[in-house]
Amino acid sequence: MLPVAASHAAEPPAVDFAAIKSPIIFKGDAVTAYRDPAAVYHDGVFRLFFTMVRKEDDGNAYLYTAVSKSSDLATWTYVGRTKGGENSCVIVDGDEYVLFHSPGNGIGVKRSRDLKEWRDAGLLTLGQKDWPWAKGRLTAGFVLDLRREPRVGKAVMFFHGSGPEDERTMFDNYASMGLAWSNDLAAWDWPGKGK
């Protein structure tokens, strides 16, 4: 049996909120913008996933899914980035993490066992081809995993769609919220599917 002091030594210290000097974690500038945060707390470490928009040497802006980590919420270390879109959402599925993000169209899915190396696991467009309200773009999937919640028993995805034209034509007009659900995060259902 381990001594009590040894078992407490393995626990991370409590977060000292007084040590956090600013609400700004990363400050954008003329080259880099940070937005769309989502966080996971695992093994005493906060991992912050976010959209990093960078103006690259060719003059174009590119979107990345970036990751930083912190054990105390005051000091953040940039971990890296993966090709991905905006509006990240990370959940646990068995022994893997699942990252949902928004590429140009659809809801991208990536999987990882260590939150560092990510592999592409598909692109969800759900019923977009049959939905005039989402023909322009389907995006921003947020998954709430309630598969172990007896009243729900499903993973529930909230997302938005815009249409009938693409967002370049009508960005903030005609955007609608949608809902889908899944038992396994691979096959998704929604009202009217298959009709």
N, C-alpha and C. Protein backbone atom coordinates (compact mmCIF):
# COMPACT_ATOMS: atom_id res chain seq x y z
N MET A 1 0.83 -1.17 0.00
CA MET A 1 0.00 0.00 0.00
C MET A 1 0.88 1.25 0.00
N LEU A 2 0.53 2.23 -0.86
CA LEU A 2 1.30 3.45 -0.95
C LEU A 2 1.02 4.35 0.24
N PRO A 3 2.05 5.08 0.72
CA PRO A 3 1.79 6.06 1.77
C PRO A 3 0.84 7.14 1.25
N VAL A 4 0.10 7.75 2.13
CA VAL A 4 -0.86 8.78 1.75
C VAL A 4 -0.18 9.93 1.01
N ALA A 5 1.00 10.36 1.47
CA ALA A 5 1.70 11.48 0.85
C ALA A 5 2.04 11.16 -0.61
N ALA A 6 2.40 9.91 -0.90
CA ALA A 6 2.75 9.54 -2.27
C ALA A 6 1.54 9.59 -3.19
N SER A 7 0.38 9.18 -2.69
CA SER A 7 -0.80 9.22 -3.55
C SER A 7 -1.23 10.65 -3.84
N HIS A 8 -1.08 11.56 -2.87
CA HIS A 8 -1.42 12.96 -3.10
C HIS A 8 -0.41 13.64 -4.02
N ALA A 9 0.84 13.20 -4.02
CA ALA A 9 1.86 13.81 -4.86
C ALA A 9 1.53 13.66 -6.35
N ALA A 10 0.80 12.60 -6.72
CA ALA A 10 0.48 12.36 -8.12
C ALA A 10 -0.66 13.28 -8.61
N GLU A 11 -1.42 13.84 -7.70
CA GLU A 11 -2.53 14.70 -8.10
C GLU A 11 -2.01 16.08 -8.47
N PRO A 12 -2.53 16.66 -9.56
CA PRO A 12 -2.10 18.01 -9.90
C PRO A 12 -2.62 19.01 -8.87
N PRO A 13 -1.90 20.12 -8.68
CA PRO A 13 -2.38 21.11 -7.72
C PRO A 13 -3.67 21.76 -8.20
N ALA A 14 -4.42 22.30 -7.27
CA ALA A 14 -5.66 22.99 -7.61
C ALA A 14 -5.35 24.21 -8.47
N VAL A 15 -6.26 24.57 -9.33
CA VAL A 15 -6.09 25.76 -10.17
C VAL A 15 -6.20 27.00 -9.29
N ASP A 16 -5.22 27.88 -9.40
CA ASP A 16 -5.21 29.15 -8.67
C ASP A 16 -5.75 30.22 -9.60
N PHE A 17 -7.04 30.48 -9.53
CA PHE A 17 -7.66 31.44 -10.43
C PHE A 17 -7.13 32.85 -10.23
N ALA A 18 -6.60 33.17 -9.05
CA ALA A 18 -6.02 34.49 -8.80
C ALA A 18 -4.73 34.69 -9.60
N ALA A 19 -4.10 33.60 -10.03
CA ALA A 19 -2.86 33.69 -10.81
C ALA A 19 -3.11 34.01 -12.28
N ILE A 20 -4.35 33.95 -12.70
CA ILE A 20 -4.68 34.24 -14.10
C ILE A 20 -4.83 35.75 -14.22
N LYS A 21 -3.91 36.39 -14.93
CA LYS A 21 -3.82 37.85 -14.95
C LYS A 21 -4.67 38.53 -16.02
N SER A 22 -5.12 37.78 -17.01
CA SER A 22 -5.90 38.38 -18.09
C SER A 22 -6.88 37.36 -18.64
N PRO A 23 -8.03 37.80 -19.14
CA PRO A 23 -8.93 36.85 -19.78
C PRO A 23 -8.40 36.39 -21.15
N ILE A 24 -7.42 37.11 -21.71
CA ILE A 24 -6.89 36.77 -23.03
C ILE A 24 -5.89 35.63 -22.91
N ILE A 25 -6.14 34.55 -23.62
CA ILE A 25 -5.20 33.42 -23.66
C ILE A 25 -4.22 33.65 -24.81
N PHE A 26 -4.74 33.93 -25.99
CA PHE A 26 -3.94 34.24 -27.17
C PHE A 26 -4.52 35.49 -27.80
N LYS A 27 -3.68 36.48 -28.06
CA LYS A 27 -4.16 37.73 -28.64
C LYS A 27 -3.86 37.74 -30.13
N GLY A 28 -4.90 37.95 -30.92
CA GLY A 28 -4.74 38.02 -32.37
C GLY A 28 -4.05 39.29 -32.79
N ASP A 29 -3.56 39.28 -34.02
CA ASP A 29 -2.91 40.45 -34.60
C ASP A 29 -3.24 40.50 -36.10
N ALA A 30 -2.51 41.26 -36.87
CA ALA A 30 -2.79 41.41 -38.29
C ALA A 30 -2.52 40.15 -39.10
N VAL A 31 -1.82 39.19 -38.52
CA VAL A 31 -1.45 37.96 -39.23
C VAL A 31 -2.20 36.74 -38.72
N THR A 32 -2.49 36.71 -37.43
CA THR A 32 -3.08 35.52 -36.81
C THR A 32 -4.31 35.88 -36.00
N ALA A 33 -5.36 35.07 -36.16
CA ALA A 33 -6.59 35.22 -35.37
C ALA A 33 -6.89 33.90 -34.68
N TYR A 34 -7.45 33.97 -33.48
CA TYR A 34 -7.80 32.80 -32.69
C TYR A 34 -9.29 32.85 -32.39
N ARG A 35 -10.01 31.75 -32.62
CA ARG A 35 -11.45 31.75 -32.36
C ARG A 35 -11.97 30.33 -32.20
N ASP A 36 -13.24 30.20 -31.87
CA ASP A 36 -13.97 28.93 -31.79
C ASP A 36 -13.34 27.94 -30.79
N PRO A 37 -13.19 28.33 -29.51
CA PRO A 37 -12.54 27.43 -28.55
C PRO A 37 -13.40 26.24 -28.13
N ALA A 38 -12.71 25.13 -27.85
CA ALA A 38 -13.31 23.94 -27.24
C ALA A 38 -12.22 23.31 -26.39
N ALA A 39 -12.53 22.80 -25.22
CA ALA A 39 -11.51 22.29 -24.32
C ALA A 39 -11.82 20.88 -23.84
N VAL A 40 -10.73 20.17 -23.53
CA VAL A 40 -10.80 18.83 -22.93
C VAL A 40 -9.86 18.85 -21.72
N TYR A 41 -10.31 18.31 -20.60
CA TYR A 41 -9.46 18.16 -19.42
C TYR A 41 -9.13 16.68 -19.28
N HIS A 42 -7.85 16.33 -19.33
CA HIS A 42 -7.42 14.93 -19.34
C HIS A 42 -6.08 14.81 -18.64
N ASP A 43 -5.96 13.87 -17.68
CA ASP A 43 -4.71 13.63 -16.95
C ASP A 43 -4.14 14.90 -16.32
N GLY A 44 -5.00 15.76 -15.77
CA GLY A 44 -4.55 16.97 -15.10
C GLY A 44 -4.14 18.08 -16.03
N VAL A 45 -4.44 17.95 -17.33
CA VAL A 45 -4.03 18.96 -18.31
C VAL A 45 -5.26 19.44 -19.09
N PHE A 46 -5.38 20.74 -19.23
CA PHE A 46 -6.39 21.34 -20.10
C PHE A 46 -5.82 21.40 -21.51
N ARG A 47 -6.55 20.90 -22.46
CA ARG A 47 -6.15 21.00 -23.86
C ARG A 47 -7.20 21.85 -24.56
N LEU A 48 -6.74 22.95 -25.12
CA LEU A 48 -7.63 23.90 -25.77
C LEU A 48 -7.50 23.75 -27.28
N PHE A 49 -8.59 23.39 -27.92
CA PHE A 49 -8.66 23.28 -29.37
C PHE A 49 -9.32 24.56 -29.87
N PHE A 50 -8.81 25.11 -30.97
CA PHE A 50 -9.37 26.35 -31.48
C PHE A 50 -9.04 26.50 -32.95
N THR A 51 -9.78 27.39 -33.59
CA THR A 51 -9.48 27.73 -34.98
C THR A 51 -8.39 28.78 -34.96
N MET A 52 -7.32 28.50 -35.67
CA MET A 52 -6.25 29.48 -35.85
C MET A 52 -6.28 29.88 -37.32
N VAL A 53 -6.53 31.16 -37.56
CA VAL A 53 -6.54 31.69 -38.91
C VAL A 53 -5.24 32.45 -39.10
N ARG A 54 -4.45 32.01 -40.10
CA ARG A 54 -3.15 32.66 -40.35
C ARG A 54 -3.09 33.20 -41.76
N LYS A 55 -2.62 34.41 -41.86
CA LYS A 55 -2.34 34.98 -43.17
C LYS A 55 -0.92 34.52 -43.52
N GLU A 56 -0.83 33.69 -44.54
CA GLU A 56 0.46 33.09 -44.90
C GLU A 56 1.20 33.97 -45.90
N ASP A 57 2.43 33.55 -46.24
CA ASP A 57 3.30 34.34 -47.11
C ASP A 57 2.68 34.61 -48.49
N ASP A 58 1.77 33.74 -48.94
CA ASP A 58 1.14 33.97 -50.25
C ASP A 58 0.02 35.01 -50.18
N GLY A 59 -0.23 35.57 -48.98
CA GLY A 59 -1.24 36.60 -48.82
C GLY A 59 -2.63 36.08 -48.51
N ASN A 60 -2.82 34.77 -48.57
CA ASN A 60 -4.12 34.17 -48.28
C ASN A 60 -4.24 33.78 -46.82
N ALA A 61 -5.48 33.76 -46.34
CA ALA A 61 -5.76 33.31 -44.96
C ALA A 61 -6.11 31.83 -44.99
N TYR A 62 -5.51 31.06 -44.07
CA TYR A 62 -5.75 29.63 -43.97
C TYR A 62 -6.24 29.30 -42.57
N LEU A 63 -7.18 28.35 -42.48
CA LEU A 63 -7.71 27.92 -41.20
C LEU A 63 -7.06 26.61 -40.78
N TYR A 64 -6.69 26.53 -39.51
CA TYR A 64 -6.12 25.33 -38.93
C TYR A 64 -6.86 25.02 -37.63
N THR A 65 -6.90 23.75 -37.26
CA THR A 65 -7.34 23.38 -35.92
C THR A 65 -6.08 23.28 -35.09
N ALA A 66 -5.93 24.16 -34.13
CA ALA A 66 -4.71 24.23 -33.32
C ALA A 66 -5.01 23.73 -31.91
N VAL A 67 -3.94 23.36 -31.19
CA VAL A 67 -4.06 22.84 -29.83
C VAL A 67 -2.99 23.48 -28.96
N SER A 68 -3.39 23.91 -27.77
CA SER A 68 -2.46 24.37 -26.74
C SER A 68 -2.85 23.67 -25.45
N LYS A 69 -1.91 23.63 -24.52
CA LYS A 69 -2.21 22.94 -23.26
C LYS A 69 -1.76 23.77 -22.07
N SER A 70 -2.39 23.49 -20.94
CA SER A 70 -2.08 24.18 -19.70
C SER A 70 -2.45 23.28 -18.53
N SER A 71 -1.64 23.32 -17.48
CA SER A 71 -2.01 22.59 -16.27
C SER A 71 -2.65 23.51 -15.24
N ASP A 72 -2.55 24.83 -15.48
CA ASP A 72 -3.03 25.78 -14.47
C ASP A 72 -3.96 26.87 -15.01
N LEU A 73 -4.26 26.87 -16.29
CA LEU A 73 -5.09 27.87 -16.96
C LEU A 73 -4.44 29.24 -17.06
N ALA A 74 -3.24 29.41 -16.51
CA ALA A 74 -2.54 30.70 -16.57
C ALA A 74 -1.42 30.68 -17.61
N THR A 75 -0.74 29.55 -17.72
CA THR A 75 0.39 29.41 -18.65
C THR A 75 0.01 28.40 -19.71
N TRP A 76 0.11 28.80 -20.98
CA TRP A 76 -0.31 27.95 -22.09
C TRP A 76 0.87 27.65 -22.99
N THR A 77 0.95 26.40 -23.43
CA THR A 77 2.00 25.94 -24.35
C THR A 77 1.34 25.50 -25.65
N TYR A 78 1.81 26.07 -26.74
CA TYR A 78 1.31 25.69 -28.06
C TYR A 78 1.80 24.28 -28.37
N VAL A 79 0.89 23.38 -28.70
CA VAL A 79 1.24 21.98 -28.99
C VAL A 79 1.41 21.78 -30.48
N GLY A 80 0.55 22.37 -31.27
CA GLY A 80 0.64 22.22 -32.71
C GLY A 80 -0.70 22.41 -33.36
N ARG A 81 -0.76 22.04 -34.63
CA ARG A 81 -1.99 22.19 -35.38
C ARG A 81 -2.16 21.01 -36.31
N THR A 82 -3.39 20.80 -36.71
CA THR A 82 -3.70 19.77 -37.68
C THR A 82 -4.56 20.42 -38.76
N LYS A 83 -4.51 19.87 -39.94
CA LYS A 83 -5.38 20.39 -40.99
C LYS A 83 -6.81 20.18 -40.54
N GLY A 84 -7.54 21.23 -40.54
CA GLY A 84 -8.93 21.12 -40.11
C GLY A 84 -9.60 22.46 -40.26
N GLY A 85 -10.86 22.47 -40.00
CA GLY A 85 -11.62 23.68 -40.13
C GLY A 85 -11.91 24.31 -38.79
N GLU A 86 -12.92 25.14 -38.78
CA GLU A 86 -13.28 25.89 -37.59
C GLU A 86 -14.28 25.12 -36.73
N ASN A 87 -14.68 25.73 -35.61
CA ASN A 87 -15.73 25.20 -34.74
C ASN A 87 -15.43 23.79 -34.22
N SER A 88 -14.33 23.62 -33.55
CA SER A 88 -13.94 22.31 -33.03
C SER A 88 -14.80 21.86 -31.87
N CYS A 89 -14.97 20.56 -31.79
CA CYS A 89 -15.66 19.91 -30.68
C CYS A 89 -14.95 18.58 -30.46
N VAL A 90 -14.57 18.25 -29.24
CA VAL A 90 -13.85 17.02 -28.94
C VAL A 90 -14.62 16.23 -27.89
N ILE A 91 -14.83 14.94 -28.17
CA ILE A 91 -15.47 14.05 -27.19
C ILE A 91 -14.66 12.77 -27.10
N VAL A 92 -14.94 11.97 -26.08
CA VAL A 92 -14.29 10.67 -25.89
C VAL A 92 -15.22 9.59 -26.42
N ASP A 93 -14.65 8.65 -27.18
CA ASP A 93 -15.40 7.50 -27.69
C ASP A 93 -14.55 6.26 -27.47
N GLY A 94 -14.88 5.49 -26.43
CA GLY A 94 -14.07 4.32 -26.09
C GLY A 94 -12.68 4.76 -25.68
N ASP A 95 -11.65 4.26 -26.39
CA ASP A 95 -10.27 4.61 -26.06
C ASP A 95 -9.71 5.67 -27.02
N GLU A 96 -10.60 6.41 -27.68
CA GLU A 96 -10.16 7.44 -28.61
C GLU A 96 -10.87 8.76 -28.35
N TYR A 97 -10.22 9.82 -28.79
CA TYR A 97 -10.84 11.14 -28.83
C TYR A 97 -11.35 11.36 -30.24
N VAL A 98 -12.49 12.01 -30.34
CA VAL A 98 -13.07 12.32 -31.64
C VAL A 98 -13.18 13.83 -31.75
N LEU A 99 -12.60 14.37 -32.81
CA LEU A 99 -12.61 15.79 -33.09
C LEU A 99 -13.57 16.04 -34.24
N PHE A 100 -14.58 16.86 -34.00
CA PHE A 100 -15.49 17.30 -35.04
C PHE A 100 -15.09 18.73 -35.38
N HIS A 101 -14.98 19.04 -36.67
CA HIS A 101 -14.58 20.38 -37.08
C HIS A 101 -15.30 20.74 -38.37
N SER A 102 -15.15 21.99 -38.80
CA SER A 102 -15.88 22.48 -39.97
C SER A 102 -14.92 22.85 -41.09
N PRO A 103 -14.74 21.96 -42.05
CA PRO A 103 -13.96 22.32 -43.24
C PRO A 103 -14.82 23.22 -44.13
N GLY A 104 -14.48 23.35 -45.40
CA GLY A 104 -15.25 24.21 -46.30
C GLY A 104 -16.73 23.88 -46.31
N ASN A 105 -17.08 22.61 -46.29
CA ASN A 105 -18.48 22.18 -46.22
C ASN A 105 -18.52 20.84 -45.51
N GLY A 106 -19.55 20.64 -44.71
CA GLY A 106 -19.71 19.39 -43.98
C GLY A 106 -19.08 19.47 -42.61
N ILE A 107 -19.11 18.35 -41.91
CA ILE A 107 -18.54 18.25 -40.58
C ILE A 107 -17.45 17.20 -40.65
N GLY A 108 -16.20 17.65 -40.55
CA GLY A 108 -15.06 16.76 -40.61
C GLY A 108 -14.91 16.01 -39.30
N VAL A 109 -14.40 14.77 -39.40
CA VAL A 109 -14.20 13.94 -38.21
C VAL A 109 -12.76 13.44 -38.22
N LYS A 110 -12.08 13.60 -37.09
CA LYS A 110 -10.73 13.07 -36.89
C LYS A 110 -10.72 12.28 -35.59
N ARG A 111 -9.81 11.31 -35.50
CA ARG A 111 -9.70 10.49 -34.29
C ARG A 111 -8.24 10.44 -33.82
N SER A 112 -8.08 10.31 -32.51
CA SER A 112 -6.75 10.24 -31.90
C SER A 112 -6.80 9.43 -30.62
N ARG A 113 -5.72 8.74 -30.33
CA ARG A 113 -5.61 8.03 -29.04
C ARG A 113 -4.84 8.87 -28.02
N ASP A 114 -4.10 9.90 -28.49
CA ASP A 114 -3.23 10.65 -27.60
C ASP A 114 -3.42 12.17 -27.63
N LEU A 115 -4.39 12.66 -28.38
CA LEU A 115 -4.66 14.08 -28.53
C LEU A 115 -3.53 14.82 -29.24
N LYS A 116 -2.60 14.09 -29.84
CA LYS A 116 -1.49 14.71 -30.57
C LYS A 116 -1.52 14.34 -32.04
N GLU A 117 -1.60 13.07 -32.31
CA GLU A 117 -1.64 12.57 -33.69
C GLU A 117 -3.09 12.29 -34.05
N TRP A 118 -3.55 12.91 -35.14
CA TRP A 118 -4.95 12.79 -35.56
C TRP A 118 -5.02 12.16 -36.93
N ARG A 119 -5.99 11.27 -37.12
CA ARG A 119 -6.22 10.68 -38.44
C ARG A 119 -7.62 11.05 -38.90
N ASP A 120 -7.75 11.30 -40.19
CA ASP A 120 -9.06 11.63 -40.75
C ASP A 120 -9.97 10.41 -40.65
N ALA A 121 -11.20 10.65 -40.24
CA ALA A 121 -12.17 9.57 -40.07
C ALA A 121 -13.47 9.84 -40.80
N GLY A 122 -13.46 10.80 -41.71
CA GLY A 122 -14.64 11.00 -42.53
C GLY A 122 -15.13 12.43 -42.58
N LEU A 123 -16.14 12.61 -43.41
CA LEU A 123 -16.80 13.90 -43.58
C LEU A 123 -18.30 13.64 -43.58
N LEU A 124 -19.01 14.32 -42.68
CA LEU A 124 -20.46 14.16 -42.57
C LEU A 124 -21.16 15.31 -43.29
N THR A 125 -22.05 14.97 -44.20
CA THR A 125 -22.90 15.98 -44.82
C THR A 125 -24.38 15.71 -44.52
N LEU A 126 -24.64 14.65 -43.78
CA LEU A 126 -25.98 14.30 -43.33
C LEU A 126 -26.97 14.35 -44.50
N GLY A 127 -28.07 15.05 -44.38
CA GLY A 127 -29.08 15.10 -45.45
C GLY A 127 -28.97 16.34 -46.32
N GLN A 128 -27.80 16.95 -46.37
CA GLN A 128 -27.62 18.23 -47.05
C GLN A 128 -28.16 18.23 -48.48
N LYS A 129 -27.97 17.16 -49.21
CA LYS A 129 -28.40 17.14 -50.62
C LYS A 129 -29.92 17.29 -50.75
N ASP A 130 -30.65 16.94 -49.70
CA ASP A 130 -32.11 17.05 -49.73
C ASP A 130 -32.65 18.25 -48.97
N TRP A 131 -31.78 19.05 -48.40
CA TRP A 131 -32.20 20.17 -47.57
C TRP A 131 -31.91 21.50 -48.26
N PRO A 132 -32.88 22.15 -48.86
CA PRO A 132 -32.63 23.46 -49.48
C PRO A 132 -32.03 24.46 -48.49
N TRP A 133 -32.43 24.38 -47.23
CA TRP A 133 -31.96 25.31 -46.21
C TRP A 133 -30.49 25.12 -45.86
N ALA A 134 -29.86 24.03 -46.36
CA ALA A 134 -28.45 23.76 -46.05
C ALA A 134 -27.62 23.49 -47.30
N LYS A 135 -28.18 23.72 -48.49
CA LYS A 135 -27.44 23.41 -49.72
C LYS A 135 -26.20 24.29 -49.89
N GLY A 136 -26.22 25.51 -49.34
CA GLY A 136 -25.07 26.40 -49.45
C GLY A 136 -23.88 25.92 -48.63
N ARG A 137 -24.14 25.54 -47.39
CA ARG A 137 -23.08 25.01 -46.52
C ARG A 137 -23.72 24.38 -45.30
N LEU A 138 -23.18 23.25 -44.89
CA LEU A 138 -23.54 22.59 -43.65
C LEU A 138 -22.27 22.62 -42.80
N THR A 139 -22.36 23.09 -41.56
CA THR A 139 -21.14 23.34 -40.79
C THR A 139 -21.41 23.43 -39.29
N ALA A 140 -20.34 23.66 -38.53
CA ALA A 140 -20.39 23.97 -37.10
C ALA A 140 -21.06 22.89 -36.26
N GLY A 141 -20.71 21.63 -36.49
CA GLY A 141 -21.28 20.54 -35.71
C GLY A 141 -20.76 20.51 -34.29
N PHE A 142 -21.67 20.52 -33.33
CA PHE A 142 -21.32 20.35 -31.93
C PHE A 142 -22.00 19.07 -31.47
N VAL A 143 -21.22 18.13 -30.92
CA VAL A 143 -21.76 16.84 -30.51
C VAL A 143 -21.80 16.76 -28.99
N LEU A 144 -22.96 16.45 -28.48
CA LEU A 144 -23.18 16.22 -27.06
C LEU A 144 -23.37 14.72 -26.90
N ASP A 145 -22.42 14.05 -26.28
CA ASP A 145 -22.48 12.59 -26.18
C ASP A 145 -23.32 12.18 -24.99
N LEU A 146 -24.55 11.80 -25.27
CA LEU A 146 -25.50 11.38 -24.24
C LEU A 146 -25.87 9.91 -24.40
N ARG A 147 -24.97 9.12 -24.98
CA ARG A 147 -25.26 7.71 -25.20
C ARG A 147 -25.43 6.94 -23.90
N ARG A 148 -24.82 7.40 -22.82
CA ARG A 148 -24.95 6.72 -21.52
C ARG A 148 -26.04 7.35 -20.65
N GLU A 149 -26.68 8.37 -21.15
CA GLU A 149 -27.76 9.02 -20.43
C GLU A 149 -29.06 8.28 -20.75
N PRO A 150 -29.65 7.60 -19.78
CA PRO A 150 -30.83 6.77 -20.06
C PRO A 150 -31.98 7.49 -20.75
N ARG A 151 -32.20 8.76 -20.45
CA ARG A 151 -33.32 9.49 -21.05
C ARG A 151 -33.10 9.79 -22.52
N VAL A 152 -31.83 9.76 -22.97
CA VAL A 152 -31.52 10.13 -24.35
C VAL A 152 -30.96 8.93 -25.12
N GLY A 153 -29.86 8.35 -24.63
CA GLY A 153 -29.29 7.15 -25.24
C GLY A 153 -28.66 7.35 -26.61
N LYS A 154 -28.35 8.57 -26.99
CA LYS A 154 -27.77 8.88 -28.30
C LYS A 154 -26.74 10.00 -28.16
N ALA A 155 -25.85 10.08 -29.13
CA ALA A 155 -25.04 11.28 -29.29
C ALA A 155 -25.89 12.24 -30.11
N VAL A 156 -25.97 13.48 -29.68
CA VAL A 156 -26.82 14.47 -30.35
C VAL A 156 -25.91 15.54 -30.97
N MET A 157 -26.13 15.81 -32.26
CA MET A 157 -25.35 16.82 -32.95
C MET A 157 -26.24 18.02 -33.29
N PHE A 158 -25.75 19.20 -32.93
CA PHE A 158 -26.35 20.45 -33.34
C PHE A 158 -25.44 21.05 -34.40
N PHE A 159 -26.00 21.62 -35.44
CA PHE A 159 -25.18 22.17 -36.52
C PHE A 159 -25.95 23.30 -37.19
N HIS A 160 -25.28 24.00 -38.10
CA HIS A 160 -26.04 24.98 -38.86
C HIS A 160 -25.84 24.77 -40.34
N GLY A 161 -26.87 25.17 -41.06
CA GLY A 161 -26.84 25.08 -42.51
C GLY A 161 -27.27 26.41 -43.08
N SER A 162 -26.78 26.72 -44.26
CA SER A 162 -27.22 27.93 -44.93
C SER A 162 -27.52 27.61 -46.38
N GLY A 163 -28.45 28.32 -46.93
CA GLY A 163 -28.83 28.06 -48.31
C GLY A 163 -30.11 28.80 -48.64
N PRO A 164 -30.50 28.72 -49.85
CA PRO A 164 -30.07 27.73 -50.84
C PRO A 164 -28.74 28.05 -51.50
N GLU A 165 -28.24 29.29 -51.34
CA GLU A 165 -26.96 29.62 -51.95
C GLU A 165 -25.83 29.46 -50.97
N ASP A 166 -24.62 29.48 -51.49
CA ASP A 166 -23.42 29.31 -50.70
C ASP A 166 -23.16 30.55 -49.82
N GLU A 167 -22.44 30.38 -48.72
CA GLU A 167 -22.21 31.46 -47.76
C GLU A 167 -21.45 32.64 -48.35
N ARG A 168 -20.72 32.43 -49.42
CA ARG A 168 -20.02 33.57 -50.04
C ARG A 168 -21.02 34.56 -50.59
N THR A 169 -22.21 34.10 -50.96
CA THR A 169 -23.25 34.96 -51.51
C THR A 169 -24.11 35.56 -50.41
N MET A 170 -24.41 34.77 -49.40
CA MET A 170 -25.35 35.19 -48.36
C MET A 170 -24.92 34.67 -47.00
N PHE A 171 -23.82 35.24 -46.45
CA PHE A 171 -23.20 34.70 -45.25
C PHE A 171 -24.12 34.67 -44.03
N ASP A 172 -24.66 35.79 -43.66
CA ASP A 172 -25.45 35.81 -42.43
C ASP A 172 -26.96 35.78 -42.67
N ASN A 173 -27.35 35.48 -43.88
CA ASN A 173 -28.77 35.37 -44.19
C ASN A 173 -29.15 33.90 -44.33
N TYR A 174 -30.34 33.59 -43.98
CA TYR A 174 -30.89 32.25 -44.21
C TYR A 174 -30.11 31.14 -43.52
N ALA A 175 -29.43 31.42 -42.42
CA ALA A 175 -28.75 30.37 -41.67
C ALA A 175 -29.76 29.73 -40.72
N SER A 176 -29.75 28.41 -40.66
CA SER A 176 -30.69 27.67 -39.83
C SER A 176 -29.94 26.68 -38.95
N MET A 177 -30.53 26.32 -37.82
CA MET A 177 -29.94 25.33 -36.92
C MET A 177 -30.58 23.97 -37.19
N GLY A 178 -29.74 22.92 -37.14
CA GLY A 178 -30.24 21.57 -37.36
C GLY A 178 -29.86 20.63 -36.24
N LEU A 179 -30.44 19.44 -36.28
CA LEU A 179 -30.27 18.44 -35.24
C LEU A 179 -30.20 17.06 -35.88
N ALA A 180 -29.25 16.25 -35.41
CA ALA A 180 -29.12 14.85 -35.84
C ALA A 180 -28.68 14.04 -34.62
N TRP A 181 -28.78 12.71 -34.71
CA TRP A 181 -28.39 11.85 -33.58
C TRP A 181 -27.79 10.55 -34.09
N SER A 182 -27.01 9.91 -33.19
CA SER A 182 -26.29 8.70 -33.58
C SER A 182 -26.10 7.78 -32.38
N ASN A 183 -26.05 6.49 -32.68
CA ASN A 183 -25.69 5.50 -31.65
C ASN A 183 -24.19 5.26 -31.59
N ASP A 184 -23.49 5.48 -32.72
CA ASP A 184 -22.08 5.08 -32.82
C ASP A 184 -21.14 6.15 -33.37
N LEU A 185 -21.61 7.35 -33.61
CA LEU A 185 -20.86 8.48 -34.16
C LEU A 185 -20.49 8.30 -35.63
N ALA A 186 -20.95 7.23 -36.25
CA ALA A 186 -20.66 6.98 -37.66
C ALA A 186 -21.94 7.12 -38.49
N ALA A 187 -23.00 6.44 -38.09
CA ALA A 187 -24.29 6.53 -38.78
C ALA A 187 -25.16 7.53 -38.02
N TRP A 188 -25.70 8.51 -38.76
CA TRP A 188 -26.48 9.58 -38.15
C TRP A 188 -27.90 9.57 -38.68
N ASP A 189 -28.85 9.92 -37.83
CA ASP A 189 -30.26 10.00 -38.19
C ASP A 189 -30.75 11.42 -37.92
N TRP A 190 -31.88 11.76 -38.55
CA TRP A 190 -32.51 13.05 -38.37
C TRP A 190 -33.98 12.91 -38.75
N PRO A 191 -34.80 13.86 -38.35
CA PRO A 191 -36.22 13.77 -38.69
C PRO A 191 -36.41 13.71 -40.22
N GLY A 192 -37.22 12.77 -40.69
CA GLY A 192 -37.51 12.65 -42.11
C GLY A 192 -36.47 11.91 -42.91
N LYS A 193 -35.45 11.35 -42.27
CA LYS A 193 -34.43 10.63 -43.02
C LYS A 193 -35.07 9.42 -43.72
N GLY A 194 -34.75 9.26 -44.99
CA GLY A 194 -35.23 8.11 -45.75
C GLY A 194 -36.64 8.27 -46.29
N LYS A 195 -37.27 9.40 -46.07
CA LYS A 195 -38.65 9.60 -46.59
C LYS A 195 -38.61 10.25 -47.92
